[in-house]
Amino acid sequence: MPRLSLTRLYTTIITPATPTIQTAPVFTPLPPPRPTKPATLRSITLGFLLGLTVAGASGFGYLVEEYQTQNKNTTRHVAKMAESVETVHTLRDPGGRWQDEGRRKYDDQDENGTLTASR
């Protein structure tokens, strides 16, 4: 049987393992930013103007489409209103009375310019 020395016994069994201290990694500083070249400024300006043009053109297209839609709707409503007025005019006889007997009948106007009702 091999003989164990006391120092070896002390270092392997009795003393706990010393924890290793980990240090934070050291980062190297970033190099200073490069100076802006005129070509970079030109590219930024060109990109901005191109984006502005595309956004303006799409907005204009949207407005034109909405205008056309509303114009069609307004024209359709005016045509319906004209048709309704024409229907009202056809319901009246030349004497100014309504031809429909179920409604209240109005004469055109009396001498004073006011409407009078006849039942």
N, C-alpha and C. Protein backbone atom coordinates (compact mmCIF):
# COMPACT_ATOMS: atom_id res chain seq x y z
N MET A 1 0.83 -1.15 0.00
CA MET A 1 0.00 0.00 0.00
C MET A 1 0.89 1.24 0.00
N PRO A 2 0.52 2.17 -0.91
CA PRO A 2 1.39 3.35 -0.96
C PRO A 2 1.12 4.27 0.21
N ARG A 3 2.12 4.92 0.54
CA ARG A 3 2.05 5.80 1.68
C ARG A 3 1.65 7.19 1.20
N LEU A 4 0.66 7.81 1.85
CA LEU A 4 0.18 9.14 1.47
C LEU A 4 0.86 10.17 2.34
N SER A 5 1.26 11.19 1.72
CA SER A 5 1.86 12.27 2.49
C SER A 5 0.75 13.18 3.01
N LEU A 6 1.04 13.86 4.09
CA LEU A 6 0.04 14.71 4.70
C LEU A 6 -0.30 15.91 3.81
N THR A 7 0.65 16.45 3.11
CA THR A 7 0.36 17.61 2.27
C THR A 7 -0.54 17.20 1.10
N ARG A 8 -0.28 16.04 0.59
CA ARG A 8 -1.13 15.59 -0.51
C ARG A 8 -2.53 15.31 0.00
N LEU A 9 -2.63 14.74 1.14
CA LEU A 9 -3.92 14.46 1.74
C LEU A 9 -4.65 15.77 2.05
N TYR A 10 -3.93 16.75 2.53
CA TYR A 10 -4.53 18.04 2.85
C TYR A 10 -5.01 18.75 1.59
N THR A 11 -4.25 18.71 0.55
CA THR A 11 -4.64 19.44 -0.66
C THR A 11 -5.75 18.72 -1.43
N THR A 12 -5.85 17.45 -1.37
CA THR A 12 -6.85 16.74 -2.16
C THR A 12 -8.15 16.51 -1.40
N ILE A 13 -8.10 16.31 -0.15
CA ILE A 13 -9.31 15.94 0.57
C ILE A 13 -9.83 17.07 1.44
N ILE A 14 -9.00 17.70 2.17
CA ILE A 14 -9.43 18.64 3.18
C ILE A 14 -9.76 20.01 2.59
N THR A 15 -8.94 20.54 1.76
CA THR A 15 -9.21 21.88 1.22
C THR A 15 -10.14 21.78 0.02
N PRO A 16 -11.14 22.59 0.05
CA PRO A 16 -12.04 22.56 -1.12
C PRO A 16 -11.35 23.23 -2.31
N ALA A 17 -11.89 22.95 -3.44
CA ALA A 17 -11.31 23.54 -4.65
C ALA A 17 -11.61 25.03 -4.63
N THR A 18 -10.63 25.81 -4.94
CA THR A 18 -10.84 27.26 -4.95
C THR A 18 -11.60 27.62 -6.21
N PRO A 19 -12.62 28.45 -6.05
CA PRO A 19 -13.38 28.82 -7.24
C PRO A 19 -12.54 29.73 -8.13
N THR A 20 -12.74 29.54 -9.37
CA THR A 20 -12.02 30.40 -10.31
C THR A 20 -12.86 31.63 -10.57
N ILE A 21 -12.25 32.74 -10.56
CA ILE A 21 -12.95 34.00 -10.78
C ILE A 21 -12.87 34.31 -12.27
N GLN A 22 -14.06 34.45 -12.85
CA GLN A 22 -14.08 34.78 -14.27
C GLN A 22 -14.26 36.28 -14.40
N THR A 23 -13.46 36.84 -15.19
CA THR A 23 -13.55 38.27 -15.42
C THR A 23 -14.36 38.52 -16.68
N ALA A 24 -14.93 39.69 -16.71
CA ALA A 24 -15.71 40.06 -17.90
C ALA A 24 -14.78 40.20 -19.09
N PRO A 25 -15.27 39.83 -20.24
CA PRO A 25 -14.39 39.96 -21.41
C PRO A 25 -14.11 41.44 -21.69
N VAL A 26 -12.96 41.69 -22.11
CA VAL A 26 -12.55 43.06 -22.39
C VAL A 26 -12.86 43.35 -23.85
N PHE A 27 -13.65 44.38 -24.06
CA PHE A 27 -14.01 44.76 -25.43
C PHE A 27 -13.08 45.87 -25.89
N THR A 28 -12.75 45.78 -27.10
CA THR A 28 -11.93 46.84 -27.67
C THR A 28 -12.86 47.96 -28.12
N PRO A 29 -12.47 49.19 -27.94
CA PRO A 29 -13.35 50.29 -28.35
C PRO A 29 -13.53 50.32 -29.86
N LEU A 30 -14.72 50.79 -30.25
CA LEU A 30 -15.00 50.88 -31.68
C LEU A 30 -14.18 52.00 -32.30
N PRO A 31 -13.86 51.83 -33.54
CA PRO A 31 -13.12 52.91 -34.20
C PRO A 31 -14.04 54.10 -34.39
N PRO A 32 -13.51 55.28 -34.48
CA PRO A 32 -14.37 56.46 -34.68
C PRO A 32 -15.09 56.38 -36.01
N PRO A 33 -16.31 56.97 -36.10
CA PRO A 33 -17.06 56.88 -37.36
C PRO A 33 -16.33 57.62 -38.48
N ARG A 34 -16.52 57.06 -39.65
CA ARG A 34 -15.87 57.68 -40.81
C ARG A 34 -16.60 58.96 -41.15
N PRO A 35 -15.93 59.92 -41.67
CA PRO A 35 -16.62 61.15 -42.08
C PRO A 35 -17.56 60.87 -43.26
N THR A 36 -18.67 61.59 -43.29
CA THR A 36 -19.66 61.40 -44.34
C THR A 36 -19.14 61.95 -45.65
N LYS A 37 -19.27 61.14 -46.66
CA LYS A 37 -18.83 61.58 -47.98
C LYS A 37 -19.98 62.29 -48.68
N PRO A 38 -19.70 63.15 -49.63
CA PRO A 38 -20.78 63.82 -50.37
C PRO A 38 -21.66 62.83 -51.12
N ALA A 39 -21.12 61.72 -51.58
CA ALA A 39 -21.93 60.73 -52.30
C ALA A 39 -22.97 60.12 -51.37
N THR A 40 -22.65 59.94 -50.11
CA THR A 40 -23.60 59.39 -49.15
C THR A 40 -24.75 60.37 -48.93
N LEU A 41 -24.41 61.64 -48.78
CA LEU A 41 -25.44 62.65 -48.61
C LEU A 41 -26.33 62.73 -49.85
N ARG A 42 -25.74 62.60 -51.00
CA ARG A 42 -26.49 62.62 -52.26
C ARG A 42 -27.44 61.42 -52.33
N SER A 43 -26.96 60.27 -51.88
CA SER A 43 -27.81 59.06 -51.91
C SER A 43 -28.97 59.19 -50.95
N ILE A 44 -28.71 59.75 -49.77
CA ILE A 44 -29.79 59.93 -48.79
C ILE A 44 -30.83 60.89 -49.35
N THR A 45 -30.39 61.99 -49.93
CA THR A 45 -31.32 62.96 -50.50
C THR A 45 -32.12 62.36 -51.64
N LEU A 46 -31.44 61.62 -52.50
CA LEU A 46 -32.13 60.99 -53.63
C LEU A 46 -33.16 59.98 -53.15
N GLY A 47 -32.82 59.18 -52.14
CA GLY A 47 -33.77 58.21 -51.60
C GLY A 47 -34.98 58.88 -50.97
N PHE A 48 -34.74 59.97 -50.25
CA PHE A 48 -35.84 60.69 -49.64
C PHE A 48 -36.78 61.26 -50.70
N LEU A 49 -36.21 61.88 -51.72
CA LEU A 49 -37.05 62.46 -52.78
C LEU A 49 -37.80 61.38 -53.56
N LEU A 50 -37.16 60.25 -53.79
CA LEU A 50 -37.83 59.15 -54.48
C LEU A 50 -39.00 58.63 -53.64
N GLY A 51 -38.79 58.43 -52.35
CA GLY A 51 -39.88 57.98 -51.47
C GLY A 51 -41.01 58.98 -51.39
N LEU A 52 -40.65 60.27 -51.33
CA LEU A 52 -41.66 61.31 -51.29
C LEU A 52 -42.48 61.32 -52.58
N THR A 53 -41.83 61.12 -53.70
CA THR A 53 -42.54 61.10 -54.99
C THR A 53 -43.49 59.91 -55.08
N VAL A 54 -43.02 58.76 -54.66
CA VAL A 54 -43.87 57.55 -54.70
C VAL A 54 -45.06 57.70 -53.77
N ALA A 55 -44.83 58.22 -52.56
CA ALA A 55 -45.94 58.41 -51.62
C ALA A 55 -46.94 59.45 -52.14
N GLY A 56 -46.43 60.52 -52.73
CA GLY A 56 -47.32 61.54 -53.29
C GLY A 56 -48.13 61.03 -54.45
N ALA A 57 -47.49 60.25 -55.33
CA ALA A 57 -48.20 59.70 -56.49
C ALA A 57 -49.28 58.71 -56.06
N SER A 58 -48.98 57.88 -55.08
CA SER A 58 -50.00 56.92 -54.63
C SER A 58 -51.14 57.65 -53.93
N GLY A 59 -50.85 58.68 -53.16
CA GLY A 59 -51.90 59.46 -52.53
C GLY A 59 -52.77 60.17 -53.55
N PHE A 60 -52.14 60.71 -54.57
CA PHE A 60 -52.89 61.39 -55.63
C PHE A 60 -53.78 60.40 -56.38
N GLY A 61 -53.26 59.21 -56.66
CA GLY A 61 -54.07 58.19 -57.31
C GLY A 61 -55.27 57.79 -56.48
N TYR A 62 -55.08 57.68 -55.17
CA TYR A 62 -56.18 57.35 -54.27
C TYR A 62 -57.24 58.45 -54.29
N LEU A 63 -56.80 59.71 -54.25
CA LEU A 63 -57.75 60.82 -54.27
C LEU A 63 -58.53 60.87 -55.58
N VAL A 64 -57.87 60.62 -56.69
CA VAL A 64 -58.57 60.63 -57.98
C VAL A 64 -59.61 59.52 -58.03
N GLU A 65 -59.25 58.35 -57.53
CA GLU A 65 -60.20 57.23 -57.51
C GLU A 65 -61.40 57.56 -56.63
N GLU A 66 -61.17 58.13 -55.45
CA GLU A 66 -62.28 58.52 -54.57
C GLU A 66 -63.15 59.60 -55.22
N TYR A 67 -62.51 60.55 -55.89
CA TYR A 67 -63.26 61.61 -56.56
C TYR A 67 -64.17 61.02 -57.64
N GLN A 68 -63.65 60.09 -58.42
CA GLN A 68 -64.46 59.48 -59.48
C GLN A 68 -65.63 58.70 -58.88
N THR A 69 -65.39 57.98 -57.81
CA THR A 69 -66.46 57.21 -57.17
C THR A 69 -67.56 58.14 -56.65
N GLN A 70 -67.14 59.20 -55.96
CA GLN A 70 -68.13 60.13 -55.42
C GLN A 70 -68.86 60.88 -56.53
N ASN A 71 -68.17 61.18 -57.61
CA ASN A 71 -68.80 61.86 -58.74
C ASN A 71 -69.88 60.96 -59.36
N LYS A 72 -69.58 59.67 -59.50
CA LYS A 72 -70.57 58.74 -60.03
C LYS A 72 -71.79 58.65 -59.10
N ASN A 73 -71.53 58.58 -57.80
CA ASN A 73 -72.64 58.50 -56.85
C ASN A 73 -73.50 59.75 -56.89
N THR A 74 -72.86 60.91 -56.96
CA THR A 74 -73.61 62.16 -57.01
C THR A 74 -74.44 62.25 -58.28
N THR A 75 -73.86 61.86 -59.41
CA THR A 75 -74.59 61.87 -60.68
C THR A 75 -75.79 60.94 -60.61
N ARG A 76 -75.60 59.77 -60.00
CA ARG A 76 -76.69 58.81 -59.88
C ARG A 76 -77.81 59.38 -59.00
N HIS A 77 -77.45 60.05 -57.92
CA HIS A 77 -78.47 60.61 -57.02
C HIS A 77 -79.20 61.78 -57.68
N VAL A 78 -78.48 62.58 -58.46
CA VAL A 78 -79.13 63.68 -59.17
C VAL A 78 -80.10 63.13 -60.20
N ALA A 79 -79.73 62.05 -60.88
CA ALA A 79 -80.63 61.44 -61.86
C ALA A 79 -81.88 60.88 -61.17
N LYS A 80 -81.70 60.26 -59.99
CA LYS A 80 -82.86 59.76 -59.26
C LYS A 80 -83.76 60.90 -58.81
N MET A 81 -83.15 62.02 -58.39
CA MET A 81 -83.93 63.17 -57.96
C MET A 81 -84.70 63.75 -59.14
N ALA A 82 -84.07 63.84 -60.31
CA ALA A 82 -84.76 64.35 -61.48
C ALA A 82 -85.92 63.42 -61.87
N GLU A 83 -85.71 62.13 -61.74
CA GLU A 83 -86.77 61.17 -62.04
C GLU A 83 -87.94 61.34 -61.06
N SER A 84 -87.62 61.57 -59.77
CA SER A 84 -88.67 61.78 -58.77
C SER A 84 -89.45 63.06 -59.06
N VAL A 85 -88.75 64.11 -59.44
CA VAL A 85 -89.43 65.37 -59.75
C VAL A 85 -90.32 65.19 -60.97
N GLU A 86 -89.84 64.46 -61.94
CA GLU A 86 -90.64 64.21 -63.15
C GLU A 86 -91.88 63.40 -62.78
N THR A 87 -91.74 62.44 -61.86
CA THR A 87 -92.90 61.65 -61.41
C THR A 87 -93.90 62.55 -60.71
N VAL A 88 -93.42 63.47 -59.89
CA VAL A 88 -94.32 64.38 -59.20
C VAL A 88 -95.05 65.26 -60.20
N HIS A 89 -94.35 65.73 -61.21
CA HIS A 89 -94.99 66.58 -62.21
C HIS A 89 -96.04 65.82 -63.02
N THR A 90 -95.83 64.54 -63.25
CA THR A 90 -96.82 63.77 -64.01
C THR A 90 -98.06 63.44 -63.17
N LEU A 91 -97.95 63.49 -61.84
CA LEU A 91 -99.11 63.21 -60.99
C LEU A 91 -100.07 64.40 -60.91
N ARG A 92 -99.64 65.54 -61.37
CA ARG A 92 -100.51 66.72 -61.30
C ARG A 92 -101.19 66.93 -62.65
N ASP A 93 -102.43 67.31 -62.58
CA ASP A 93 -103.13 67.62 -63.83
C ASP A 93 -102.90 69.09 -64.16
N PRO A 94 -103.27 69.53 -65.33
CA PRO A 94 -103.02 70.93 -65.71
C PRO A 94 -103.71 71.94 -64.80
N GLY A 95 -104.75 71.56 -64.08
CA GLY A 95 -105.44 72.49 -63.19
C GLY A 95 -104.72 72.69 -61.87
N GLY A 96 -103.66 71.96 -61.62
CA GLY A 96 -102.91 72.14 -60.40
C GLY A 96 -103.34 71.22 -59.28
N ARG A 97 -104.20 70.24 -59.55
CA ARG A 97 -104.63 69.32 -58.50
C ARG A 97 -103.92 67.99 -58.69
N TRP A 98 -103.79 67.28 -57.55
CA TRP A 98 -103.18 65.96 -57.59
C TRP A 98 -104.14 64.98 -58.24
N GLN A 99 -103.60 64.04 -59.00
CA GLN A 99 -104.43 63.02 -59.62
C GLN A 99 -104.68 61.86 -58.67
N ASP A 100 -103.82 61.69 -57.68
CA ASP A 100 -103.98 60.61 -56.73
C ASP A 100 -105.03 61.04 -55.70
N GLU A 101 -106.14 60.28 -55.60
CA GLU A 101 -107.25 60.68 -54.74
C GLU A 101 -107.01 60.32 -53.27
N GLY A 102 -106.06 59.45 -52.98
CA GLY A 102 -105.85 59.02 -51.60
C GLY A 102 -105.07 60.04 -50.79
N ARG A 103 -104.45 61.03 -51.40
CA ARG A 103 -103.64 62.01 -50.68
C ARG A 103 -104.42 63.28 -50.44
N ARG A 104 -103.86 64.10 -49.60
CA ARG A 104 -104.44 65.42 -49.37
C ARG A 104 -104.14 66.27 -50.60
N LYS A 105 -105.10 67.00 -51.08
CA LYS A 105 -104.94 67.72 -52.33
C LYS A 105 -104.68 69.19 -52.07
N TYR A 106 -103.76 69.75 -52.82
CA TYR A 106 -103.43 71.17 -52.70
C TYR A 106 -103.70 71.86 -54.02
N ASP A 107 -104.28 73.03 -53.95
CA ASP A 107 -104.37 73.87 -55.14
C ASP A 107 -103.00 74.51 -55.33
N ASP A 108 -102.76 75.08 -56.48
CA ASP A 108 -101.46 75.72 -56.70
C ASP A 108 -101.25 76.83 -55.69
N GLN A 109 -101.94 77.92 -55.83
CA GLN A 109 -101.87 79.02 -54.87
C GLN A 109 -103.12 79.86 -55.03
N ASP A 110 -103.48 80.50 -53.96
CA ASP A 110 -104.63 81.41 -54.08
C ASP A 110 -104.14 82.80 -54.47
N GLU A 111 -105.00 83.78 -54.37
CA GLU A 111 -104.64 85.14 -54.80
C GLU A 111 -103.51 85.73 -53.98
N ASN A 112 -103.39 85.35 -52.70
CA ASN A 112 -102.37 85.91 -51.82
C ASN A 112 -101.02 85.22 -51.94
N GLY A 113 -100.94 84.12 -52.68
CA GLY A 113 -99.70 83.40 -52.83
C GLY A 113 -99.48 82.31 -51.81
N THR A 114 -100.50 82.00 -51.01
CA THR A 114 -100.35 80.94 -50.02
C THR A 114 -101.01 79.67 -50.55
N LEU A 115 -100.53 78.54 -50.09
CA LEU A 115 -101.12 77.27 -50.49
C LEU A 115 -102.40 77.04 -49.70
N THR A 116 -103.41 76.57 -50.37
CA THR A 116 -104.65 76.25 -49.68
C THR A 116 -104.95 74.78 -49.87
N ALA A 117 -105.49 74.16 -48.86
CA ALA A 117 -105.79 72.74 -48.92
C ALA A 117 -107.27 72.54 -49.20
N SER A 118 -107.56 71.59 -50.07
CA SER A 118 -108.96 71.24 -50.32
C SER A 118 -109.11 69.76 -50.05
N ARG A 119 -110.16 69.41 -49.33
CA ARG A 119 -110.34 68.00 -48.99
C ARG A 119 -111.32 67.36 -49.90
